[in-house]
């Protein structure tokens, strides 16, 4: 199953999706804060959110899965 991964190291500022949500390619699933900038993390493909691996305030590394899609 595909995942939506963090594209930079940072802190989860907000999670924009929940399990069961349907997302399209380009939809924002989370917003990361890094170097005092807010950066959206977008789905690279569409699908249904089956698991959210992060929550607001979590520190994440580049490449870390944030959301799993089906």
PDB file of N, CA and C in Angstrom:
ATOM      1  N   UNK A   1       0.847  -1.191   0.000  1.00  0.00           N
ATOM      2  CA  UNK A   1       0.000   0.000   0.000  1.00  0.00           C
ATOM      3  C   UNK A   1       0.886   1.246   0.000  1.00  0.00           C
ATOM      4  N   UNK A   2       0.481   2.266  -0.730  1.00  0.00           N
ATOM      5  CA  UNK A   2       1.290   3.483  -0.795  1.00  0.00           C
ATOM      6  C   UNK A   2       1.225   4.295   0.500  1.00  0.00           C
ATOM      7  N   UNK A   3       2.287   5.034   0.751  1.00  0.00           N
ATOM      8  CA  UNK A   3       2.320   5.939   1.897  1.00  0.00           C
ATOM      9  C   UNK A   3       2.606   7.353   1.410  1.00  0.00           C
ATOM     10  N   UNK A   4       2.234   8.307   2.227  1.00  0.00           N
ATOM     11  CA  UNK A   4       2.610   9.704   2.009  1.00  0.00           C
ATOM     12  C   UNK A   4       3.700   9.983   3.027  1.00  0.00           C
ATOM     13  N   UNK A   5       4.885  10.371   2.540  1.00  0.00           N
ATOM     14  CA  UNK A   5       6.054  10.518   3.394  1.00  0.00           C
ATOM     15  C   UNK A   5       6.432  11.984   3.582  1.00  0.00           C
ATOM     16  N   UNK A   6       7.104  12.258   4.699  1.00  0.00           N
ATOM     17  CA  UNK A   6       7.627  13.602   4.952  1.00  0.00           C
ATOM     18  C   UNK A   6       8.719  13.905   3.932  1.00  0.00           C
ATOM     19  N   UNK A   7       8.666  15.058   3.318  1.00  0.00           N
ATOM     20  CA  UNK A   7       9.674  15.432   2.325  1.00  0.00           C
ATOM     21  C   UNK A   7      10.845  16.192   2.941  1.00  0.00           C
ATOM     22  N   UNK A   8      10.707  16.577   4.216  1.00  0.00           N
ATOM     23  CA  UNK A   8      11.776  17.239   4.955  1.00  0.00           C
ATOM     24  C   UNK A   8      11.704  16.801   6.413  1.00  0.00           C
ATOM     25  N   UNK A   9      12.764  17.048   7.159  1.00  0.00           N
ATOM     26  CA  UNK A   9      12.752  16.826   8.606  1.00  0.00           C
ATOM     27  C   UNK A   9      12.076  18.021   9.253  1.00  0.00           C
ATOM     28  N   UNK A  10      11.184  17.767  10.201  1.00  0.00           N
ATOM     29  CA  UNK A  10      10.488  18.863  10.861  1.00  0.00           C
ATOM     30  C   UNK A  10       9.545  18.362  11.931  1.00  0.00           C
ATOM     31  N   UNK A  11       8.589  19.200  12.265  1.00  0.00           N
ATOM     32  CA  UNK A  11       7.579  18.902  13.284  1.00  0.00           C
ATOM     33  C   UNK A  11       6.208  18.973  12.632  1.00  0.00           C
ATOM     34  N   UNK A  12       5.358  18.012  12.963  1.00  0.00           N
ATOM     35  CA  UNK A  12       3.987  18.030  12.441  1.00  0.00           C
ATOM     36  C   UNK A  12       3.249  19.201  13.078  1.00  0.00           C
ATOM     37  N   UNK A  13       2.826  20.130  12.232  1.00  0.00           N
ATOM     38  CA  UNK A  13       2.082  21.290  12.713  1.00  0.00           C
ATOM     39  C   UNK A  13       0.593  20.961  12.780  1.00  0.00           C
ATOM     40  N   UNK A  14       0.058  20.385  11.700  1.00  0.00           N
ATOM     41  CA  UNK A  14      -1.332  19.906  11.694  1.00  0.00           C
ATOM     42  C   UNK A  14      -1.440  18.652  10.832  1.00  0.00           C
ATOM     43  N   UNK A  15      -2.386  17.804  11.197  1.00  0.00           N
ATOM     44  CA  UNK A  15      -2.748  16.643  10.382  1.00  0.00           C
ATOM     45  C   UNK A  15      -4.097  16.975   9.766  1.00  0.00           C
ATOM     46  N   UNK A  16      -4.168  16.922   8.444  1.00  0.00           N
ATOM     47  CA  UNK A  16      -5.355  17.381   7.726  1.00  0.00           C
ATOM     48  C   UNK A  16      -6.329  16.255   7.358  1.00  0.00           C
ATOM     49  N   UNK A  17      -5.962  14.999   7.636  1.00  0.00           N
ATOM     50  CA  UNK A  17      -6.813  13.864   7.253  1.00  0.00           C
ATOM     51  C   UNK A  17      -7.026  12.937   8.437  1.00  0.00           C
ATOM     52  N   UNK A  18      -8.049  12.108   8.309  1.00  0.00           N
ATOM     53  CA  UNK A  18      -8.362  11.074   9.302  1.00  0.00           C
ATOM     54  C   UNK A  18      -8.582   9.758   8.570  1.00  0.00           C
ATOM     55  N   UNK A  19      -8.523   8.667   9.312  1.00  0.00           N
ATOM     56  CA  UNK A  19      -8.795   7.351   8.736  1.00  0.00           C
ATOM     57  C   UNK A  19     -10.183   7.375   8.099  1.00  0.00           C
ATOM     58  N   UNK A  20     -10.253   6.860   6.875  1.00  0.00           N
ATOM     59  CA  UNK A  20     -11.512   6.819   6.137  1.00  0.00           C
ATOM     60  C   UNK A  20     -11.681   7.952   5.135  1.00  0.00           C
ATOM     61  N   UNK A  21     -10.882   9.007   5.274  1.00  0.00           N
ATOM     62  CA  UNK A  21     -10.959  10.111   4.315  1.00  0.00           C
ATOM     63  C   UNK A  21     -10.471   9.653   2.942  1.00  0.00           C
ATOM     64  N   UNK A  22     -11.080  10.170   1.901  1.00  0.00           N
ATOM     65  CA  UNK A  22     -10.640   9.912   0.528  1.00  0.00           C
ATOM     66  C   UNK A  22      -9.860  11.136   0.064  1.00  0.00           C
ATOM     67  N   UNK A  23      -8.626  10.904  -0.416  1.00  0.00           N
ATOM     68  CA  UNK A  23      -7.795  11.999  -0.901  1.00  0.00           C
ATOM     69  C   UNK A  23      -7.492  11.809  -2.377  1.00  0.00           C
ATOM     70  N   UNK A  24      -7.297  12.920  -3.052  1.00  0.00           N
ATOM     71  CA  UNK A  24      -6.904  12.929  -4.456  1.00  0.00           C
ATOM     72  C   UNK A  24      -5.433  13.313  -4.546  1.00  0.00           C
ATOM     73  N   UNK A  25      -4.809  13.019  -5.663  1.00  0.00           N
ATOM     74  CA  UNK A  25      -3.437  13.456  -5.891  1.00  0.00           C
ATOM     75  C   UNK A  25      -3.351  14.968  -5.693  1.00  0.00           C
ATOM     76  N   UNK A  26      -2.387  15.414  -4.893  1.00  0.00           N
ATOM     77  CA  UNK A  26      -2.203  16.834  -4.638  1.00  0.00           C
ATOM     78  C   UNK A  26      -2.894  17.356  -3.395  1.00  0.00           C
ATOM     79  N   UNK A  27      -3.782  16.556  -2.783  1.00  0.00           N
ATOM     80  CA  UNK A  27      -4.429  16.995  -1.551  1.00  0.00           C
ATOM     81  C   UNK A  27      -3.410  17.056  -0.420  1.00  0.00           C
ATOM     82  N   UNK A  28      -3.546  18.058   0.447  1.00  0.00           N
ATOM     83  CA  UNK A  28      -2.666  18.211   1.601  1.00  0.00           C
ATOM     84  C   UNK A  28      -3.116  17.242   2.696  1.00  0.00           C
ATOM     85  N   UNK A  29      -2.181  16.410   3.181  1.00  0.00           N
ATOM     86  CA  UNK A  29      -2.508  15.465   4.251  1.00  0.00           C
ATOM     87  C   UNK A  29      -1.970  15.927   5.595  1.00  0.00           C
ATOM     88  N   UNK A  30      -0.924  16.761   5.573  1.00  0.00           N
ATOM     89  CA  UNK A  30      -0.341  17.288   6.809  1.00  0.00           C
ATOM     90  C   UNK A  30       0.441  18.550   6.472  1.00  0.00           C
ATOM     91  N   UNK A  31       0.712  19.339   7.511  1.00  0.00           N
ATOM     92  CA  UNK A  31       1.572  20.505   7.348  1.00  0.00           C
ATOM     93  C   UNK A  31       2.735  20.349   8.316  1.00  0.00           C
ATOM     94  N   UNK A  32       3.950  20.446   7.764  1.00  0.00           N
ATOM     95  CA  UNK A  32       5.173  20.352   8.553  1.00  0.00           C
ATOM     96  C   UNK A  32       5.705  21.745   8.844  1.00  0.00           C
ATOM     97  N   UNK A  33       6.302  21.900  10.016  1.00  0.00           N
ATOM     98  CA  UNK A  33       7.007  23.133  10.348  1.00  0.00           C
ATOM     99  C   UNK A  33       8.482  22.796  10.385  1.00  0.00           C
ATOM    100  N   UNK A  34       9.260  23.541   9.615  1.00  0.00           N
ATOM    101  CA  UNK A  34      10.700  23.350   9.587  1.00  0.00           C
ATOM    102  C   UNK A  34      11.355  24.702   9.332  1.00  0.00           C
ATOM    103  N   UNK A  35      12.322  25.022  10.119  1.00  0.00           N
ATOM    104  CA  UNK A  35      13.034  26.309   9.984  1.00  0.00           C
ATOM    105  C   UNK A  35      12.058  27.485  10.019  1.00  0.00           C
ATOM    106  N   UNK A  36      11.055  27.391  10.894  1.00  0.00           N
ATOM    107  CA  UNK A  36      10.040  28.431  11.094  1.00  0.00           C
ATOM    108  C   UNK A  36       9.181  28.680   9.855  1.00  0.00           C
ATOM    109  N   UNK A  37       9.122  27.677   8.974  1.00  0.00           N
ATOM    110  CA  UNK A  37       8.270  27.762   7.794  1.00  0.00           C
ATOM    111  C   UNK A  37       7.274  26.606   7.824  1.00  0.00           C
ATOM    112  N   UNK A  38       6.060  26.856   7.374  1.00  0.00           N
ATOM    113  CA  UNK A  38       5.042  25.817   7.285  1.00  0.00           C
ATOM    114  C   UNK A  38       5.026  25.285   5.858  1.00  0.00           C
ATOM    115  N   UNK A  39       5.151  23.957   5.717  1.00  0.00           N
ATOM    116  CA  UNK A  39       5.207  23.351   4.391  1.00  0.00           C
ATOM    117  C   UNK A  39       4.179  22.235   4.282  1.00  0.00           C
ATOM    118  N   UNK A  40       3.300  22.305   3.274  1.00  0.00           N
ATOM    119  CA  UNK A  40       2.297  21.249   3.108  1.00  0.00           C
ATOM    120  C   UNK A  40       2.925  19.967   2.582  1.00  0.00           C
ATOM    121  N   UNK A  41       2.382  18.845   3.045  1.00  0.00           N
ATOM    122  CA  UNK A  41       2.762  17.531   2.524  1.00  0.00           C
ATOM    123  C   UNK A  41       1.562  17.039   1.729  1.00  0.00           C
ATOM    124  N   UNK A  42       1.772  16.811   0.434  1.00  0.00           N
ATOM    125  CA  UNK A  42       0.674  16.452  -0.461  1.00  0.00           C
ATOM    126  C   UNK A  42       0.722  14.985  -0.844  1.00  0.00           C
ATOM    127  N   UNK A  43      -0.451  14.403  -1.047  1.00  0.00           N
ATOM    128  CA  UNK A  43      -0.542  13.026  -1.530  1.00  0.00           C
ATOM    129  C   UNK A  43      -0.040  12.961  -2.963  1.00  0.00           C
ATOM    130  N   UNK A  44       0.789  11.981  -3.266  1.00  0.00           N
ATOM    131  CA  UNK A  44       1.303  11.812  -4.628  1.00  0.00           C
ATOM    132  C   UNK A  44       0.346  11.011  -5.497  1.00  0.00           C
ATOM    133  N   UNK A  45      -0.636  10.380  -4.874  1.00  0.00           N
ATOM    134  CA  UNK A  45      -1.682   9.656  -5.594  1.00  0.00           C
ATOM    135  C   UNK A  45      -2.932   9.644  -4.739  1.00  0.00           C
ATOM    136  N   UNK A  46      -4.053   9.323  -5.343  1.00  0.00           N
ATOM    137  CA  UNK A  46      -5.306   9.286  -4.622  1.00  0.00           C
ATOM    138  C   UNK A  46      -5.505   7.973  -3.900  1.00  0.00           C
ATOM    139  N   UNK A  47      -6.418   7.973  -2.950  1.00  0.00           N
ATOM    140  CA  UNK A  47      -6.751   6.763  -2.217  1.00  0.00           C
ATOM    141  C   UNK A  47      -7.526   7.084  -0.957  1.00  0.00           C
ATOM    142  N   UNK A  48      -7.789   6.034  -0.185  1.00  0.00           N
ATOM    143  CA  UNK A  48      -8.480   6.169   1.091  1.00  0.00           C
ATOM    144  C   UNK A  48      -7.464   6.032   2.214  1.00  0.00           C
ATOM    145  N   UNK A  49      -7.528   6.937   3.184  1.00  0.00           N
ATOM    146  CA  UNK A  49      -6.611   6.900   4.322  1.00  0.00           C
ATOM    147  C   UNK A  49      -6.969   5.697   5.189  1.00  0.00           C
ATOM    148  N   UNK A  50      -6.006   4.776   5.361  1.00  0.00           N
ATOM    149  CA  UNK A  50      -6.243   3.598   6.199  1.00  0.00           C
ATOM    150  C   UNK A  50      -5.501   3.672   7.525  1.00  0.00           C
ATOM    151  N   UNK A  51      -4.457   4.517   7.590  1.00  0.00           N
ATOM    152  CA  UNK A  51      -3.738   4.680   8.854  1.00  0.00           C
ATOM    153  C   UNK A  51      -3.009   6.019   8.842  1.00  0.00           C
ATOM    154  N   UNK A  52      -3.012   6.682  10.000  1.00  0.00           N
ATOM    155  CA  UNK A  52      -2.261   7.924  10.189  1.00  0.00           C
ATOM    156  C   UNK A  52      -1.186   7.616  11.226  1.00  0.00           C
ATOM    157  N   UNK A  53       0.076   7.796  10.835  1.00  0.00           N
ATOM    158  CA  UNK A  53       1.208   7.430  11.684  1.00  0.00           C
ATOM    159  C   UNK A  53       1.720   8.568  12.553  1.00  0.00           C
ATOM    160  N   UNK A  54       1.140   9.767  12.447  1.00  0.00           N
ATOM    161  CA  UNK A  54       1.670  10.924  13.164  1.00  0.00           C
ATOM    162  C   UNK A  54       0.538  11.712  13.806  1.00  0.00           C
ATOM    163  N   UNK A  55       0.947  12.600  14.708  1.00  0.00           N
ATOM    164  CA  UNK A  55      -0.006  13.523  15.302  1.00  0.00           C
ATOM    165  C   UNK A  55       0.675  14.867  15.505  1.00  0.00           C
ATOM    166  N   UNK A  56      -0.113  15.893  15.752  1.00  0.00           N
ATOM    167  CA  UNK A  56       0.432  17.231  15.913  1.00  0.00           C
ATOM    168  C   UNK A  56       1.506  17.242  16.996  1.00  0.00           C
ATOM    169  N   UNK A  57       2.629  17.890  16.683  1.00  0.00           N
ATOM    170  CA  UNK A  57       3.734  18.002  17.631  1.00  0.00           C
ATOM    171  C   UNK A  57       4.812  16.947  17.471  1.00  0.00           C
ATOM    172  N   UNK A  58       4.549  15.900  16.684  1.00  0.00           N
ATOM    173  CA  UNK A  58       5.557  14.853  16.470  1.00  0.00           C
ATOM    174  C   UNK A  58       6.727  15.385  15.646  1.00  0.00           C
ATOM    175  N   UNK A  59       7.929  14.995  16.024  1.00  0.00           N
ATOM    176  CA  UNK A  59       9.113  15.265  15.208  1.00  0.00           C
ATOM    177  C   UNK A  59       9.228  14.133  14.194  1.00  0.00           C
ATOM    178  N   UNK A  60       9.459  14.472  12.928  1.00  0.00           N
ATOM    179  CA  UNK A  60       9.564  13.465  11.870  1.00  0.00           C
ATOM    180  C   UNK A  60      10.825  13.703  11.053  1.00  0.00           C
ATOM    181  N   UNK A  61      11.334  12.634  10.479  1.00  0.00           N
ATOM    182  CA  UNK A  61      12.512  12.696   9.628  1.00  0.00           C
ATOM    183  C   UNK A  61      12.103  12.667   8.164  1.00  0.00           C
ATOM    184  N   UNK A  62      12.964  13.191   7.322  1.00  0.00           N
ATOM    185  CA  UNK A  62      12.737  13.120   5.880  1.00  0.00           C
ATOM    186  C   UNK A  62      12.551  11.667   5.458  1.00  0.00           C
ATOM    187  N   UNK A  63      11.498  11.406   4.677  1.00  0.00           N
ATOM    188  CA  UNK A  63      11.213  10.046   4.205  1.00  0.00           C
ATOM    189  C   UNK A  63      10.343   9.221   5.134  1.00  0.00           C
ATOM    190  N   UNK A  64      10.058   9.725   6.314  1.00  0.00           N
ATOM    191  CA  UNK A  64       9.235   8.980   7.276  1.00  0.00           C
ATOM    192  C   UNK A  64       7.773   8.949   6.804  1.00  0.00           C
ATOM    193  N   UNK A  65       7.149   7.755   6.792  1.00  0.00           N
ATOM    194  CA  UNK A  65       5.738   7.665   6.406  1.00  0.00           C
ATOM    195  C   UNK A  65       4.846   8.406   7.406  1.00  0.00           C
ATOM    196  N   UNK A  66       3.917   9.200   6.882  1.00  0.00           N
ATOM    197  CA  UNK A  66       2.977   9.945   7.721  1.00  0.00           C
ATOM    198  C   UNK A  66       1.578   9.355   7.644  1.00  0.00           C
ATOM    199  N   UNK A  67       1.187   8.915   6.431  1.00  0.00           N
ATOM    200  CA  UNK A  67      -0.167   8.415   6.179  1.00  0.00           C
ATOM    201  C   UNK A  67      -0.073   7.240   5.223  1.00  0.00           C
ATOM    202  N   UNK A  68      -0.905   6.226   5.466  1.00  0.00           N
ATOM    203  CA  UNK A  68      -0.968   5.088   4.544  1.00  0.00           C
ATOM    204  C   UNK A  68      -2.297   5.140   3.799  1.00  0.00           C
ATOM    205  N   UNK A  69      -2.222   4.930   2.487  1.00  0.00           N
ATOM    206  CA  UNK A  69      -3.410   4.939   1.636  1.00  0.00           C
ATOM    207  C   UNK A  69      -3.688   3.542   1.111  1.00  0.00           C
ATOM    208  N   UNK A  70      -4.949   3.294   0.762  1.00  0.00           N
ATOM    209  CA  UNK A  70      -5.338   2.026   0.154  1.00  0.00           C
ATOM    210  C   UNK A  70      -5.833   2.312  -1.245  1.00  0.00           C
TER     211      UNK A  70
END
